[in-house]
Amino acid sequence: LTQSRALTELSSDNDELKKELEKKRKEIASLVASCAAGEQELKVQAEAHLHDLAARDLMVASLEDIKTQLSKQLFEKADIIAQHENEIMQITAANCAIKKEMAGQQRRMSQQ
């Protein structure tokens, strides 16, 4: 009788342990699914960040190109300004020479 009661209690304990084990398995499966979903969300976010970074890299490269073009135009315009200043100095020098010549001719004419 004692053995029979002990077997019944062991069987009952065994059933409870099986239920507890099944419950733990379901909890673990739920945690694994939750982790997988979290991992997938992190992958999606990481991919979005990579796309953002790539877009920013393209913008920076484009801005660098624009900066280079503007610098080139600035140097070209500075060159043109220097040429114009040189021409103005030559014209001014020619004007001075003409005025000097005219003043000399007037003096000679007034002396005659």
C-alpha atoms as a PDB file:
ATOM      1  CA  LEU A   1       0.000   0.000   0.000  1.00  0.00           C
ATOM      2  CA  THR A   2       2.812   2.356   0.858  1.00  0.00           C
ATOM      3  CA  GLN A   3       4.561   1.523  -2.405  1.00  0.00           C
ATOM      4  CA  SER A   4       1.362   2.132  -4.318  1.00  0.00           C
ATOM      5  CA  ARG A   5       0.876   5.518  -2.620  1.00  0.00           C
ATOM      6  CA  ALA A   6       4.511   6.429  -3.280  1.00  0.00           C
ATOM      7  CA  LEU A   7       4.104   5.504  -6.978  1.00  0.00           C
ATOM      8  CA  THR A   8       0.930   7.585  -7.185  1.00  0.00           C
ATOM      9  CA  GLU A   9       2.696  10.574  -5.621  1.00  0.00           C
ATOM     10  CA  LEU A  10       5.688  10.117  -7.942  1.00  0.00           C
ATOM     11  CA  SER A  11       3.364   9.881 -10.922  1.00  0.00           C
ATOM     12  CA  SER A  12       1.531  13.014  -9.775  1.00  0.00           C
ATOM     13  CA  ASP A  13       4.846  14.839  -9.214  1.00  0.00           C
ATOM     14  CA  ASN A  14       6.001  13.649 -12.633  1.00  0.00           C
ATOM     15  CA  ASP A  15       2.835  15.042 -14.276  1.00  0.00           C
ATOM     16  CA  GLU A  16       3.345  18.409 -12.532  1.00  0.00           C
ATOM     17  CA  LEU A  17       6.985  18.470 -13.617  1.00  0.00           C
ATOM     18  CA  LYS A  18       5.934  17.708 -17.213  1.00  0.00           C
ATOM     19  CA  LYS A  19       3.397  20.562 -17.118  1.00  0.00           C
ATOM     20  CA  GLU A  20       6.014  22.893 -15.642  1.00  0.00           C
ATOM     21  CA  LEU A  21       8.528  21.795 -18.285  1.00  0.00           C
ATOM     22  CA  GLU A  22       5.998  22.437 -21.068  1.00  0.00           C
ATOM     23  CA  LYS A  23       5.232  25.851 -19.602  1.00  0.00           C
ATOM     24  CA  LYS A  24       8.972  26.693 -19.516  1.00  0.00           C
ATOM     25  CA  ARG A  25       9.366  25.490 -23.115  1.00  0.00           C
ATOM     26  CA  LYS A  26       6.557  27.821 -24.216  1.00  0.00           C
ATOM     27  CA  GLU A  27       8.153  30.722 -22.306  1.00  0.00           C
ATOM     28  CA  ILE A  28      11.510  29.994 -23.954  1.00  0.00           C
ATOM     29  CA  ALA A  29       9.861  29.763 -27.400  1.00  0.00           C
ATOM     30  CA  SER A  30       8.147  33.110 -26.743  1.00  0.00           C
ATOM     31  CA  LEU A  31      11.442  34.701 -25.667  1.00  0.00           C
ATOM     32  CA  VAL A  32      13.217  33.307 -28.738  1.00  0.00           C
ATOM     33  CA  ALA A  33      10.464  34.709 -30.993  1.00  0.00           C
ATOM     34  CA  SER A  34      10.670  38.069 -29.219  1.00  0.00           C
ATOM     35  CA  CYS A  35      14.465  38.139 -29.635  1.00  0.00           C
ATOM     36  CA  ALA A  36      14.148  37.243 -33.318  1.00  0.00           C
ATOM     37  CA  ALA A  37      11.632  40.063 -33.818  1.00  0.00           C
ATOM     38  CA  GLY A  38      13.928  42.466 -31.959  1.00  0.00           C
ATOM     39  CA  GLU A  39      16.890  41.363 -34.051  1.00  0.00           C
ATOM     40  CA  GLN A  40      14.887  41.870 -37.256  1.00  0.00           C
ATOM     41  CA  GLU A  41      13.838  45.352 -36.106  1.00  0.00           C
ATOM     42  CA  LEU A  42      17.477  46.207 -35.361  1.00  0.00           C
ATOM     43  CA  LYS A  43      18.481  44.963 -38.810  1.00  0.00           C
ATOM     44  CA  VAL A  44      15.804  47.144 -40.419  1.00  0.00           C
ATOM     45  CA  GLN A  45      16.953  50.171 -38.399  1.00  0.00           C
ATOM     46  CA  ALA A  46      20.602  49.495 -39.235  1.00  0.00           C
ATOM     47  CA  GLU A  47      19.760  49.231 -42.929  1.00  0.00           C
ATOM     48  CA  ALA A  48      17.828  52.509 -42.762  1.00  0.00           C
ATOM     49  CA  HIS A  49      20.819  54.172 -41.067  1.00  0.00           C
ATOM     50  CA  LEU A  50      23.128  52.812 -43.771  1.00  0.00           C
ATOM     51  CA  HIS A  51      20.862  54.268 -46.460  1.00  0.00           C
ATOM     52  CA  ASP A  52      20.855  57.614 -44.631  1.00  0.00           C
ATOM     53  CA  LEU A  53      24.643  57.559 -44.407  1.00  0.00           C
ATOM     54  CA  ALA A  54      24.953  56.698 -48.101  1.00  0.00           C
ATOM     55  CA  ALA A  55      22.611  59.570 -48.990  1.00  0.00           C
ATOM     56  CA  ARG A  56      24.638  61.940 -46.811  1.00  0.00           C
ATOM     57  CA  ASP A  57      27.856  60.752 -48.433  1.00  0.00           C
ATOM     58  CA  LEU A  58      26.350  61.534 -51.847  1.00  0.00           C
ATOM     59  CA  MET A  59      25.279  64.993 -50.647  1.00  0.00           C
ATOM     60  CA  VAL A  60      28.753  65.699 -49.254  1.00  0.00           C
ATOM     61  CA  ALA A  61      30.354  64.557 -52.508  1.00  0.00           C
ATOM     62  CA  SER A  62      27.949  66.750 -54.478  1.00  0.00           C
ATOM     63  CA  LEU A  63      28.694  69.742 -52.251  1.00  0.00           C
ATOM     64  CA  GLU A  64      32.416  69.124 -52.650  1.00  0.00           C
ATOM     65  CA  ASP A  65      31.955  69.125 -56.451  1.00  0.00           C
ATOM     66  CA  ILE A  66      30.011  72.382 -56.262  1.00  0.00           C
ATOM     67  CA  LYS A  67      32.694  73.898 -54.020  1.00  0.00           C
ATOM     68  CA  THR A  68      35.395  72.856 -56.492  1.00  0.00           C
ATOM     69  CA  GLN A  69      33.450  74.344 -59.420  1.00  0.00           C
ATOM     70  CA  LEU A  70      32.858  77.614 -57.544  1.00  0.00           C
ATOM     71  CA  SER A  71      36.538  77.832 -56.590  1.00  0.00           C
ATOM     72  CA  LYS A  72      37.507  77.298 -60.220  1.00  0.00           C
ATOM     73  CA  GLN A  73      35.070  80.011 -61.350  1.00  0.00           C
ATOM     74  CA  LEU A  74      36.382  82.352 -58.659  1.00  0.00           C
ATOM     75  CA  PHE A  75      39.970  81.906 -59.843  1.00  0.00           C
ATOM     76  CA  GLU A  76      38.891  82.408 -63.483  1.00  0.00           C
ATOM     77  CA  LYS A  77      37.072  85.632 -62.568  1.00  0.00           C
ATOM     78  CA  ALA A  78      40.037  86.839 -60.505  1.00  0.00           C
ATOM     79  CA  ASP A  79      42.218  86.214 -63.568  1.00  0.00           C
ATOM     80  CA  ILE A  80      39.847  88.230 -65.766  1.00  0.00           C
ATOM     81  CA  ILE A  81      39.817  91.079 -63.217  1.00  0.00           C
ATOM     82  CA  ALA A  82      43.623  91.093 -63.153  1.00  0.00           C
ATOM     83  CA  GLN A  83      43.666  91.267 -66.978  1.00  0.00           C
ATOM     84  CA  HIS A  84      41.194  94.171 -66.944  1.00  0.00           C
ATOM     85  CA  GLU A  85      43.236  96.003 -64.312  1.00  0.00           C
ATOM     86  CA  ASN A  86      46.324  95.522 -66.480  1.00  0.00           C
ATOM     87  CA  GLU A  87      44.468  96.887 -69.525  1.00  0.00           C
ATOM     88  CA  ILE A  88      43.223  99.881 -67.485  1.00  0.00           C
ATOM     89  CA  MET A  89      46.791 100.619 -66.362  1.00  0.00           C
ATOM     90  CA  GLN A  90      47.992 100.445 -69.989  1.00  0.00           C
ATOM     91  CA  ILE A  91      45.180 102.751 -71.148  1.00  0.00           C
ATOM     92  CA  THR A  92      45.905 105.148 -68.282  1.00  0.00           C
ATOM     93  CA  ALA A  93      49.603 105.170 -69.188  1.00  0.00           C
ATOM     94  CA  ALA A  94      48.706 105.789 -72.860  1.00  0.00           C
ATOM     95  CA  ASN A  95      46.357 108.639 -71.845  1.00  0.00           C
ATOM     96  CA  CYS A  96      49.116 110.224 -69.761  1.00  0.00           C
ATOM     97  CA  ALA A  97      51.514 109.965 -72.693  1.00  0.00           C
ATOM     98  CA  ILE A  98      48.920 111.535 -75.048  1.00  0.00           C
ATOM     99  CA  LYS A  99      48.212 114.372 -72.579  1.00  0.00           C
ATOM    100  CA  LYS A 100      51.934 114.991 -72.210  1.00  0.00           C
ATOM    101  CA  GLU A 101      52.349 115.077 -75.989  1.00  0.00           C
ATOM    102  CA  MET A 102      49.364 117.417 -76.358  1.00  0.00           C
ATOM    103  CA  ALA A 103      50.705 119.707 -73.629  1.00  0.00           C
ATOM    104  CA  GLY A 104      54.070 119.753 -75.405  1.00  0.00           C
ATOM    105  CA  GLN A 105      52.420 120.627 -78.750  1.00  0.00           C
ATOM    106  CA  GLN A 106      50.404 123.422 -77.125  1.00  0.00           C
ATOM    107  CA  ARG A 107      53.574 124.884 -75.606  1.00  0.00           C
ATOM    108  CA  ARG A 108      55.334 124.775 -78.959  1.00  0.00           C
ATOM    109  CA  MET A 109      52.330 126.352 -80.701  1.00  0.00           C
ATOM    110  CA  SER A 110      52.037 129.107 -78.125  1.00  0.00           C
ATOM    111  CA  GLN A 111      55.790 129.832 -78.401  1.00  0.00           C
ATOM    112  CA  GLN A 112      55.573 130.265 -82.141  1.00  0.00           C
END
